[in-house]
Amino acid sequence: MIEASVLAANIGYQLATDAVILCNGEEEGRQSHASLESMQELSRNGQRMARFAVDGFRDIEQQIYKVRIRFKISATGHLLEQ
């Protein structure tokens, strides 16, 4: 999940950089090879990776909640009296 989050963040950064370059023509001497089509594809890939990361973290959060309920652990990590 962490790898997917990092990849999604990298794709988001690249997309933002490409958008700046496409709008302004260049960024700090860097020429753009970006096109609207490549940015659309990058956006789709980023969205897929972000969804994968979100779903994975949601599953982990649900599993932690189930463990807390099963063992009667408070949100602060203390055992509750049974």
Protein backbone atom coordinates (compact mmCIF):
# COMPACT_ATOMS: atom_id res chain seq x y z
CA MET A 1 0.00 0.00 0.00
CA ILE A 2 2.82 2.40 0.79
CA GLU A 3 4.42 1.71 -2.59
CA ALA A 4 1.09 2.42 -4.33
CA SER A 5 0.76 5.67 -2.37
CA VAL A 6 4.25 6.77 -3.36
CA LEU A 7 3.61 5.88 -7.00
CA ALA A 8 0.29 7.77 -6.99
CA ALA A 9 2.02 10.81 -5.47
CA ASN A 10 4.78 10.64 -8.11
CA ILE A 11 2.21 10.43 -10.90
CA GLY A 12 0.36 13.40 -9.40
CA TYR A 13 3.58 15.40 -9.26
CA GLN A 14 4.45 14.50 -12.85
CA LEU A 15 0.95 15.43 -14.00
CA ALA A 16 1.14 18.79 -12.22
CA THR A 17 4.59 19.45 -13.69
CA ASP A 18 3.39 18.55 -17.18
CA ALA A 19 0.38 20.85 -16.77
CA VAL A 20 2.64 23.76 -15.79
CA ILE A 21 4.94 23.07 -18.73
CA LEU A 22 2.06 22.69 -21.16
CA CYS A 23 0.50 25.97 -20.00
CA ASN A 24 3.71 28.00 -19.77
CA GLY A 25 5.83 26.33 -22.44
CA GLU A 26 8.70 25.39 -20.12
CA GLU A 27 9.70 25.06 -16.50
CA GLU A 28 13.15 26.20 -15.43
CA GLY A 29 14.65 25.49 -18.84
CA ARG A 30 12.92 22.14 -19.21
CA GLN A 31 11.11 21.61 -22.51
CA SER A 32 7.80 19.82 -22.51
CA HIS A 33 7.19 16.56 -24.29
CA ALA A 34 3.77 16.42 -22.70
CA SER A 35 0.62 16.34 -24.75
CA LEU A 36 -2.99 16.39 -23.71
CA GLU A 37 -3.26 12.70 -24.61
CA SER A 38 -0.24 11.70 -22.51
CA MET A 39 -1.57 13.74 -19.58
CA GLN A 40 -4.96 12.01 -19.88
CA GLU A 41 -3.28 8.61 -19.79
CA LEU A 42 -1.12 9.66 -16.85
CA SER A 43 -4.26 10.87 -15.06
CA ARG A 44 -6.02 7.54 -15.61
CA ASN A 45 -3.01 5.61 -14.30
CA GLY A 46 -2.69 7.91 -11.30
CA GLN A 47 -6.37 7.57 -10.50
CA ARG A 48 -6.12 3.76 -10.65
CA MET A 49 -3.11 3.73 -8.33
CA ALA A 50 -4.68 6.20 -5.92
CA ARG A 51 -7.88 4.11 -5.78
CA PHE A 52 -5.82 0.97 -5.13
CA ALA A 53 -3.99 2.69 -2.27
CA VAL A 54 -7.17 4.13 -0.75
CA ASP A 55 -8.96 0.78 -0.91
CA GLY A 56 -5.98 -1.01 0.61
CA PHE A 57 -5.68 1.43 3.51
CA ARG A 58 -9.44 1.23 4.07
CA ASP A 59 -9.18 -2.56 4.33
CA ILE A 60 -6.32 -2.24 6.82
CA GLU A 61 -8.29 0.26 8.88
CA GLN A 62 -11.29 -2.11 8.96
CA GLN A 63 -9.08 -5.01 10.07
CA ILE A 64 -7.59 -2.92 12.89
CA TYR A 65 -11.10 -1.97 13.99
CA LYS A 66 -12.14 -5.65 14.05
CA VAL A 67 -9.08 -6.55 16.16
CA ARG A 68 -9.83 -3.70 18.58
CA ILE A 69 -13.42 -4.93 18.98
CA ARG A 70 -12.38 -8.58 19.36
CA PHE A 71 -9.80 -7.87 22.03
CA LYS A 72 -11.66 -4.90 23.52
CA ILE A 73 -8.90 -2.37 22.93
CA SER A 74 -9.65 1.34 23.16
CA ALA A 75 -8.68 3.82 20.45
CA THR A 76 -5.72 4.84 22.64
CA GLY A 77 -4.45 1.25 22.78
CA HIS A 78 -5.55 0.39 26.32
CA LEU A 79 -7.31 -2.85 27.17
CA LEU A 80 -10.85 -2.27 28.32
CA GLU A 81 -12.25 -4.12 31.28
CA GLN A 82 -14.32 -7.10 30.26
